[in-house]
PDB file of N, CA and C in Angstrom:
ATOM      1  N   MET A   1      -3.446  14.468 -61.332  1.00  0.00           N
ATOM      2  CA  MET A   1      -2.566  13.707 -62.179  1.00  0.00           C
ATOM      3  C   MET A   1      -2.739  12.371 -61.254  1.00  0.00           C
ATOM      4  N   ASN A   2      -2.014  11.316 -62.117  1.00  0.00           N
ATOM      5  CA  ASN A   2      -2.434  10.192 -61.812  1.00  0.00           C
ATOM      6  C   ASN A   2      -1.168   9.792 -60.668  1.00  0.00           C
ATOM      7  N   PRO A   3      -1.157   8.496 -59.941  1.00  0.00           N
ATOM      8  CA  PRO A   3       0.303   8.344 -59.157  1.00  0.00           C
ATOM      9  C   PRO A   3       1.303   8.341 -59.772  1.00  0.00           C
ATOM     10  N   ALA A   4       1.777   7.834 -61.290  1.00  0.00           N
ATOM     11  CA  ALA A   4       2.820   8.100 -61.696  1.00  0.00           C
ATOM     12  C   ALA A   4       3.452   9.587 -61.803  1.00  0.00           C
ATOM     13  N   GLU A   5       2.509  10.430 -62.362  1.00  0.00           N
ATOM     14  CA  GLU A   5       2.760  11.771 -62.786  1.00  0.00           C
ATOM     15  C   GLU A   5       2.984  12.375 -61.454  1.00  0.00           C
ATOM     16  N   THR A   6       2.316  12.123 -60.365  1.00  0.00           N
ATOM     17  CA  THR A   6       2.503  12.459 -58.878  1.00  0.00           C
ATOM     18  C   THR A   6       4.254  12.333 -58.485  1.00  0.00           C
ATOM     19  N   HIS A   7       4.412  10.892 -58.565  1.00  0.00           N
ATOM     20  CA  HIS A   7       5.464  10.768 -58.163  1.00  0.00           C
ATOM     21  C   HIS A   7       6.578  11.266 -59.153  1.00  0.00           C
ATOM     22  N   GLU A   8       6.408  11.353 -60.357  1.00  0.00           N
ATOM     23  CA  GLU A   8       7.563  12.242 -61.257  1.00  0.00           C
ATOM     24  C   GLU A   8       7.706  13.442 -60.678  1.00  0.00           C
ATOM     25  N   VAL A   9       6.756  14.411 -60.690  1.00  0.00           N
ATOM     26  CA  VAL A   9       6.498  15.646 -60.328  1.00  0.00           C
ATOM     27  C   VAL A   9       7.008  15.844 -58.841  1.00  0.00           C
ATOM     28  N   THR A  10       7.152  14.935 -57.826  1.00  0.00           N
ATOM     29  CA  THR A  10       7.665  15.269 -56.570  1.00  0.00           C
ATOM     30  C   THR A  10       9.170  15.068 -56.659  1.00  0.00           C
ATOM     31  N   GLU A  11       9.559  14.028 -57.546  1.00  0.00           N
ATOM     32  CA  GLU A  11      11.125  13.945 -57.560  1.00  0.00           C
ATOM     33  C   GLU A  11      11.842  15.292 -58.313  1.00  0.00           C
ATOM     34  N   LEU A  12      11.307  15.729 -59.388  1.00  0.00           N
ATOM     35  CA  LEU A  12      11.516  16.648 -59.789  1.00  0.00           C
ATOM     36  C   LEU A  12      11.667  18.051 -59.106  1.00  0.00           C
ATOM     37  N   ILE A  13      10.771  18.336 -58.172  1.00  0.00           N
ATOM     38  CA  ILE A  13      10.766  19.292 -57.489  1.00  0.00           C
ATOM     39  C   ILE A  13      11.577  19.146 -56.548  1.00  0.00           C
ATOM     40  N   ALA A  14      11.830  17.950 -55.768  1.00  0.00           N
ATOM     41  CA  ALA A  14      12.979  17.636 -54.766  1.00  0.00           C
ATOM     42  C   ALA A  14      14.220  17.769 -55.689  1.00  0.00           C
ATOM     43  N   ARG A  15      14.576  17.390 -56.645  1.00  0.00           N
ATOM     44  CA  ARG A  15      15.983  17.523 -57.527  1.00  0.00           C
ATOM     45  C   ARG A  15      16.204  18.822 -57.916  1.00  0.00           C
ATOM     46  N   LEU A  16      15.209  19.692 -58.270  1.00  0.00           N
ATOM     47  CA  LEU A  16      15.615  20.985 -58.586  1.00  0.00           C
ATOM     48  C   LEU A  16      16.018  22.066 -57.425  1.00  0.00           C
ATOM     49  N   ARG A  17      15.136  21.625 -56.329  1.00  0.00           N
ATOM     50  CA  ARG A  17      15.526  22.036 -54.957  1.00  0.00           C
ATOM     51  C   ARG A  17      17.132  21.877 -54.411  1.00  0.00           C
ATOM     52  N   ASP A  18      17.295  20.598 -54.738  1.00  0.00           N
ATOM     53  CA  ASP A  18      18.778  20.216 -54.016  1.00  0.00           C
ATOM     54  C   ASP A  18      19.498  20.199 -55.230  1.00  0.00           C
ATOM     55  N   GLU A  19      19.619  20.201 -56.275  1.00  0.00           N
ATOM     56  CA  GLU A  19      20.544  20.684 -57.153  1.00  0.00           C
ATOM     57  C   GLU A  19      20.890  22.079 -57.433  1.00  0.00           C
ATOM     58  N   ARG A  20      19.954  22.651 -57.482  1.00  0.00           N
ATOM     59  CA  ARG A  20      20.032  24.251 -57.773  1.00  0.00           C
ATOM     60  C   ARG A  20      19.900  25.210 -56.728  1.00  0.00           C
ATOM     61  N   GLY A  21      19.857  24.754 -55.442  1.00  0.00           N
ATOM     62  CA  GLY A  21      19.520  25.362 -54.156  1.00  0.00           C
ATOM     63  C   GLY A  21      18.518  26.639 -54.408  1.00  0.00           C
ATOM     64  N   VAL A  22      17.460  26.289 -54.865  1.00  0.00           N
ATOM     65  CA  VAL A  22      16.182  27.205 -54.907  1.00  0.00           C
ATOM     66  C   VAL A  22      15.405  27.009 -54.233  1.00  0.00           C
ATOM     67  N   ALA A  23      14.425  27.925 -53.487  1.00  0.00           N
ATOM     68  CA  ALA A  23      13.243  27.732 -52.785  1.00  0.00           C
ATOM     69  C   ALA A  23      12.064  27.394 -54.211  1.00  0.00           C
ATOM     70  N   ILE A  24      11.193  26.685 -53.376  1.00  0.00           N
ATOM     71  CA  ILE A  24      10.302  26.395 -54.385  1.00  0.00           C
ATOM     72  C   ILE A  24       9.031  26.416 -53.189  1.00  0.00           C
ATOM     73  N   CYS A  25       7.876  27.412 -53.961  1.00  0.00           N
ATOM     74  CA  CYS A  25       6.751  27.190 -53.259  1.00  0.00           C
ATOM     75  C   CYS A  25       5.619  26.282 -54.085  1.00  0.00           C
ATOM     76  N   VAL A  26       5.331  25.109 -53.138  1.00  0.00           N
ATOM     77  CA  VAL A  26       4.350  24.060 -53.691  1.00  0.00           C
ATOM     78  C   VAL A  26       2.930  24.424 -53.015  1.00  0.00           C
ATOM     79  N   ILE A  27       2.039  24.622 -53.528  1.00  0.00           N
ATOM     80  CA  ILE A  27       0.720  24.609 -52.806  1.00  0.00           C
ATOM     81  C   ILE A  27       0.039  23.124 -53.062  1.00  0.00           C
ATOM     82  N   GLU A  28      -0.015  22.198 -52.408  1.00  0.00           N
ATOM     83  CA  GLU A  28      -0.683  20.893 -52.313  1.00  0.00           C
ATOM     84  C   GLU A  28      -1.455  20.651 -51.057  1.00  0.00           C
ATOM     85  N   HIS A  29      -2.397  19.666 -51.363  1.00  0.00           N
ATOM     86  CA  HIS A  29      -3.058  18.866 -50.520  1.00  0.00           C
ATOM     87  C   HIS A  29      -2.568  17.436 -50.399  1.00  0.00           C
ATOM     88  N   ASP A  30      -2.039  16.871 -51.216  1.00  0.00           N
ATOM     89  CA  ASP A  30      -1.741  15.465 -51.422  1.00  0.00           C
ATOM     90  C   ASP A  30      -0.268  15.681 -50.202  1.00  0.00           C
ATOM     91  N   MET A  31      -0.644  14.784 -48.961  1.00  0.00           N
ATOM     92  CA  MET A  31       0.500  14.729 -48.113  1.00  0.00           C
ATOM     93  C   MET A  31       1.652  14.041 -48.608  1.00  0.00           C
ATOM     94  N   HIS A  32       1.795  13.129 -49.488  1.00  0.00           N
ATOM     95  CA  HIS A  32       2.949  12.283 -49.752  1.00  0.00           C
ATOM     96  C   HIS A  32       3.590  13.114 -50.642  1.00  0.00           C
ATOM     97  N   VAL A  33       2.868  13.971 -51.456  1.00  0.00           N
ATOM     98  CA  VAL A  33       4.055  14.870 -52.364  1.00  0.00           C
ATOM     99  C   VAL A  33       4.521  16.201 -51.296  1.00  0.00           C
ATOM    100  N   VAL A  34       3.655  16.498 -50.384  1.00  0.00           N
ATOM    101  CA  VAL A  34       4.459  17.559 -49.411  1.00  0.00           C
ATOM    102  C   VAL A  34       5.490  16.942 -48.683  1.00  0.00           C
ATOM    103  N   ALA A  35       5.230  15.685 -48.003  1.00  0.00           N
ATOM    104  CA  ALA A  35       6.644  14.931 -47.401  1.00  0.00           C
ATOM    105  C   ALA A  35       7.372  14.828 -48.172  1.00  0.00           C
ATOM    106  N   GLY A  36       7.487  14.266 -49.627  1.00  0.00           N
ATOM    107  CA  GLY A  36       8.495  14.027 -50.561  1.00  0.00           C
ATOM    108  C   GLY A  36       9.204  15.177 -51.004  1.00  0.00           C
ATOM    109  N   CYS A  37       8.559  16.655 -50.604  1.00  0.00           N
ATOM    110  CA  CYS A  37       9.556  17.519 -51.611  1.00  0.00           C
ATOM    111  C   CYS A  37       9.773  18.841 -50.704  1.00  0.00           C
ATOM    112  N   SER A  38       9.270  18.296 -49.209  1.00  0.00           N
ATOM    113  CA  SER A  38       9.542  19.876 -48.353  1.00  0.00           C
ATOM    114  C   SER A  38      10.482  19.673 -47.306  1.00  0.00           C
ATOM    115  N   ASP A  39      11.014  20.771 -47.133  1.00  0.00           N
ATOM    116  CA  ASP A  39      11.830  20.989 -46.084  1.00  0.00           C
ATOM    117  C   ASP A  39      11.226  21.913 -44.986  1.00  0.00           C
ATOM    118  N   ARG A  40      10.193  22.642 -45.312  1.00  0.00           N
ATOM    119  CA  ARG A  40       9.487  23.145 -44.332  1.00  0.00           C
ATOM    120  C   ARG A  40       7.944  23.522 -44.895  1.00  0.00           C
ATOM    121  N   VAL A  41       7.003  23.405 -44.024  1.00  0.00           N
ATOM    122  CA  VAL A  41       5.582  23.344 -44.478  1.00  0.00           C
ATOM    123  C   VAL A  41       4.746  24.147 -43.689  1.00  0.00           C
ATOM    124  N   ILE A  42       3.873  24.809 -44.338  1.00  0.00           N
ATOM    125  CA  ILE A  42       3.039  25.805 -43.536  1.00  0.00           C
ATOM    126  C   ILE A  42       1.440  24.807 -43.661  1.00  0.00           C
ATOM    127  N   ALA A  43       0.573  25.029 -42.852  1.00  0.00           N
ATOM    128  CA  ALA A  43      -0.600  24.558 -43.005  1.00  0.00           C
ATOM    129  C   ALA A  43      -1.560  25.429 -42.346  1.00  0.00           C
ATOM    130  N   LEU A  44      -2.636  25.907 -43.540  1.00  0.00           N
ATOM    131  CA  LEU A  44      -3.860  27.015 -43.291  1.00  0.00           C
ATOM    132  C   LEU A  44      -5.039  25.860 -42.948  1.00  0.00           C
ATOM    133  N   ASP A  45      -5.682  27.020 -42.232  1.00  0.00           N
ATOM    134  CA  ASP A  45      -7.330  26.227 -41.960  1.00  0.00           C
ATOM    135  C   ASP A  45      -7.953  27.871 -42.575  1.00  0.00           C
ATOM    136  N   HIS A  46      -8.859  27.805 -43.634  1.00  0.00           N
ATOM    137  CA  HIS A  46      -9.537  29.041 -44.126  1.00  0.00           C
ATOM    138  C   HIS A  46      -8.697  29.983 -44.367  1.00  0.00           C
ATOM    139  N   GLY A  47      -7.496  29.893 -44.655  1.00  0.00           N
ATOM    140  CA  GLY A  47      -6.390  31.208 -45.091  1.00  0.00           C
ATOM    141  C   GLY A  47      -5.756  31.634 -43.968  1.00  0.00           C
ATOM    142  N   VAL A  48      -5.996  30.598 -42.859  1.00  0.00           N
ATOM    143  CA  VAL A  48      -5.113  31.310 -41.472  1.00  0.00           C
ATOM    144  C   VAL A  48      -4.029  30.184 -41.096  1.00  0.00           C
ATOM    145  N   LYS A  49      -3.088  30.544 -40.772  1.00  0.00           N
ATOM    146  CA  LYS A  49      -1.971  29.609 -40.482  1.00  0.00           C
ATOM    147  C   LYS A  49      -1.998  28.962 -39.234  1.00  0.00           C
ATOM    148  N   VAL A  50      -2.198  27.442 -39.031  1.00  0.00           N
ATOM    149  CA  VAL A  50      -2.155  26.966 -37.873  1.00  0.00           C
ATOM    150  C   VAL A  50      -0.964  26.244 -37.464  1.00  0.00           C
ATOM    151  N   ALA A  51      -0.137  25.956 -38.285  1.00  0.00           N
ATOM    152  CA  ALA A  51       1.194  25.341 -37.961  1.00  0.00           C
ATOM    153  C   ALA A  51       2.267  25.800 -38.923  1.00  0.00           C
ATOM    154  N   GLU A  52       3.669  25.182 -38.506  1.00  0.00           N
ATOM    155  CA  GLU A  52       4.386  25.718 -39.497  1.00  0.00           C
ATOM    156  C   GLU A  52       5.572  24.809 -38.841  1.00  0.00           C
ATOM    157  N   GLY A  53       6.793  24.230 -39.703  1.00  0.00           N
ATOM    158  CA  GLY A  53       7.907  23.504 -39.519  1.00  0.00           C
ATOM    159  C   GLY A  53       7.970  22.484 -40.452  1.00  0.00           C
ATOM    160  N   GLU A  54       8.530  21.512 -39.804  1.00  0.00           N
ATOM    161  CA  GLU A  54       9.078  20.503 -40.715  1.00  0.00           C
ATOM    162  C   GLU A  54       7.669  19.641 -40.933  1.00  0.00           C
ATOM    163  N   PHE A  55       7.727  18.601 -41.622  1.00  0.00           N
ATOM    164  CA  PHE A  55       6.523  18.149 -42.028  1.00  0.00           C
ATOM    165  C   PHE A  55       6.283  17.145 -41.080  1.00  0.00           C
ATOM    166  N   ASP A  56       6.673  16.594 -40.422  1.00  0.00           N
ATOM    167  CA  ASP A  56       6.335  15.462 -39.326  1.00  0.00           C
ATOM    168  C   ASP A  56       5.739  16.386 -38.218  1.00  0.00           C
ATOM    169  N   HIS A  57       6.343  17.389 -37.984  1.00  0.00           N
ATOM    170  CA  HIS A  57       5.680  18.294 -36.791  1.00  0.00           C
ATOM    171  C   HIS A  57       4.416  18.796 -37.222  1.00  0.00           C
ATOM    172  N   VAL A  58       4.282  19.237 -38.537  1.00  0.00           N
ATOM    173  CA  VAL A  58       3.157  19.971 -38.776  1.00  0.00           C
ATOM    174  C   VAL A  58       1.875  19.182 -38.889  1.00  0.00           C
ATOM    175  N   ALA A  59       2.304  18.098 -39.675  1.00  0.00           N
ATOM    176  CA  ALA A  59       1.317  16.490 -40.101  1.00  0.00           C
ATOM    177  C   ALA A  59       0.774  16.334 -38.755  1.00  0.00           C
ATOM    178  N   ASN A  60       1.413  16.149 -37.386  1.00  0.00           N
ATOM    179  CA  ASN A  60       1.176  15.591 -36.101  1.00  0.00           C
ATOM    180  C   ASN A  60       0.330  16.722 -35.264  1.00  0.00           C
ATOM    181  N   ASP A  61       0.420  17.991 -35.719  1.00  0.00           N
ATOM    182  CA  ASP A  61      -0.046  19.159 -34.835  1.00  0.00           C
ATOM    183  C   ASP A  61      -1.728  18.990 -34.775  1.00  0.00           C
ATOM    184  N   PRO A  62      -2.006  18.971 -33.705  1.00  0.00           N
ATOM    185  CA  PRO A  62      -3.801  18.785 -33.436  1.00  0.00           C
ATOM    186  C   PRO A  62      -4.417  19.814 -34.251  1.00  0.00           C
ATOM    187  N   ALA A  63      -4.153  21.040 -34.359  1.00  0.00           N
ATOM    188  CA  ALA A  63      -4.780  21.758 -35.042  1.00  0.00           C
ATOM    189  C   ALA A  63      -4.862  21.626 -36.485  1.00  0.00           C
ATOM    190  N   VAL A  64      -3.950  21.043 -37.136  1.00  0.00           N
ATOM    191  CA  VAL A  64      -3.979  20.644 -38.606  1.00  0.00           C
ATOM    192  C   VAL A  64      -4.789  19.156 -38.536  1.00  0.00           C
ATOM    193  N   VAL A  65      -4.566  18.270 -37.727  1.00  0.00           N
ATOM    194  CA  VAL A  65      -5.271  17.019 -37.605  1.00  0.00           C
ATOM    195  C   VAL A  65      -6.776  17.588 -37.516  1.00  0.00           C
ATOM    196  N   GLU A  66      -7.356  18.319 -36.870  1.00  0.00           N
ATOM    197  CA  GLU A  66      -8.433  18.663 -36.654  1.00  0.00           C
ATOM    198  C   GLU A  66      -9.141  19.317 -37.902  1.00  0.00           C
ATOM    199  N   ALA A  67      -8.073  20.219 -38.602  1.00  0.00           N
ATOM    200  CA  ALA A  67      -8.724  21.281 -39.760  1.00  0.00           C
ATOM    201  C   ALA A  67      -8.692  20.197 -41.059  1.00  0.00           C
ATOM    202  N   TYR A  68      -7.885  19.278 -40.937  1.00  0.00           N
ATOM    203  CA  TYR A  68      -8.151  18.681 -42.470  1.00  0.00           C
ATOM    204  C   TYR A  68      -8.866  17.131 -42.124  1.00  0.00           C
ATOM    205  N   LEU A  69      -8.661  16.665 -41.057  1.00  0.00           N
ATOM    206  CA  LEU A  69      -9.750  15.422 -40.693  1.00  0.00           C
ATOM    207  C   LEU A  69     -10.926  15.349 -39.740  1.00  0.00           C
ATOM    208  N   GLY A  70     -11.074  16.644 -39.219  1.00  0.00           N
ATOM    209  CA  GLY A  70     -11.947  16.698 -38.359  1.00  0.00           C
ATOM    210  C   GLY A  70     -11.936  16.339 -36.922  1.00  0.00           C
ATOM    211  N   ARG A  71     -12.644  16.517 -36.156  1.00  0.00           N
ATOM    212  CA  ARG A  71     -12.514  16.409 -34.579  1.00  0.00           C
ATOM    213  C   ARG A  71     -13.117  14.745 -34.525  1.00  0.00           C
ATOM    214  N   ASP A  72     -12.410  14.377 -33.309  1.00  0.00           N
ATOM    215  CA  ASP A  72     -12.832  13.114 -32.921  1.00  0.00           C
ATOM    216  C   ASP A  72     -14.115  12.811 -32.290  1.00  0.00           C
ATOM    217  N   PRO A  73     -14.873  12.191 -32.530  1.00  0.00           N
ATOM    218  CA  PRO A  73     -16.605  12.229 -32.347  1.00  0.00           C
ATOM    219  C   PRO A  73     -16.374  12.057 -30.616  1.00  0.00           C
ATOM    220  N   GLU A  74     -15.390  11.234 -30.146  1.00  0.00           N
ATOM    221  CA  GLU A  74     -15.151  11.146 -28.825  1.00  0.00           C
ATOM    222  C   GLU A  74     -15.381  12.350 -28.458  1.00  0.00           C
ATOM    223  N   ALA A  75     -14.319  13.111 -28.571  1.00  0.00           N
ATOM    224  CA  ALA A  75     -13.888  14.334 -28.105  1.00  0.00           C
ATOM    225  C   ALA A  75     -14.784  15.568 -28.136  1.00  0.00           C
ATOM    226  N   LEU A  76     -15.820  15.430 -29.462  1.00  0.00           N
ATOM    227  CA  LEU A  76     -16.779  16.052 -29.383  1.00  0.00           C
ATOM    228  C   LEU A  76     -17.774  15.734 -28.509  1.00  0.00           C
ATOM    229  N   ALA A  77     -18.124  14.691 -28.060  1.00  0.00           N
ATOM    230  CA  ALA A  77     -18.967  14.275 -27.220  1.00  0.00           C
ATOM    231  C   ALA A  77     -18.787  14.949 -25.636  1.00  0.00           C
ATOM    232  N   GLU A  78     -17.607  14.923 -25.199  1.00  0.00           N
ATOM    233  CA  GLU A  78     -17.107  15.357 -23.984  1.00  0.00           C
ATOM    234  C   GLU A  78     -16.822  16.861 -24.034  1.00  0.00           C
ATOM    235  N   SER A  79     -17.120  17.393 -25.120  1.00  0.00           N
ATOM    236  CA  SER A  79     -16.785  19.291 -25.070  1.00  0.00           C
ATOM    237  C   SER A  79     -18.339  19.797 -24.859  1.00  0.00           C
TER     238      SER A  79
END
């Protein structure tokens, strides 16, 4: 999707959740989309749950950061 479509879909998901009071399962890697439409997030690393909770908590979880961004080269050198 292009950025405009991504924005529209994110707003639609959030509106459906808020107006209809339904649970919606979204599988997405775009963190802006996840942040924009999620009450609760589950992060997986190779199919194994590494974190669960509100977006900010999960996005800053060290296991999630490592799984999605890799380890800090300085931390690798120290281990």
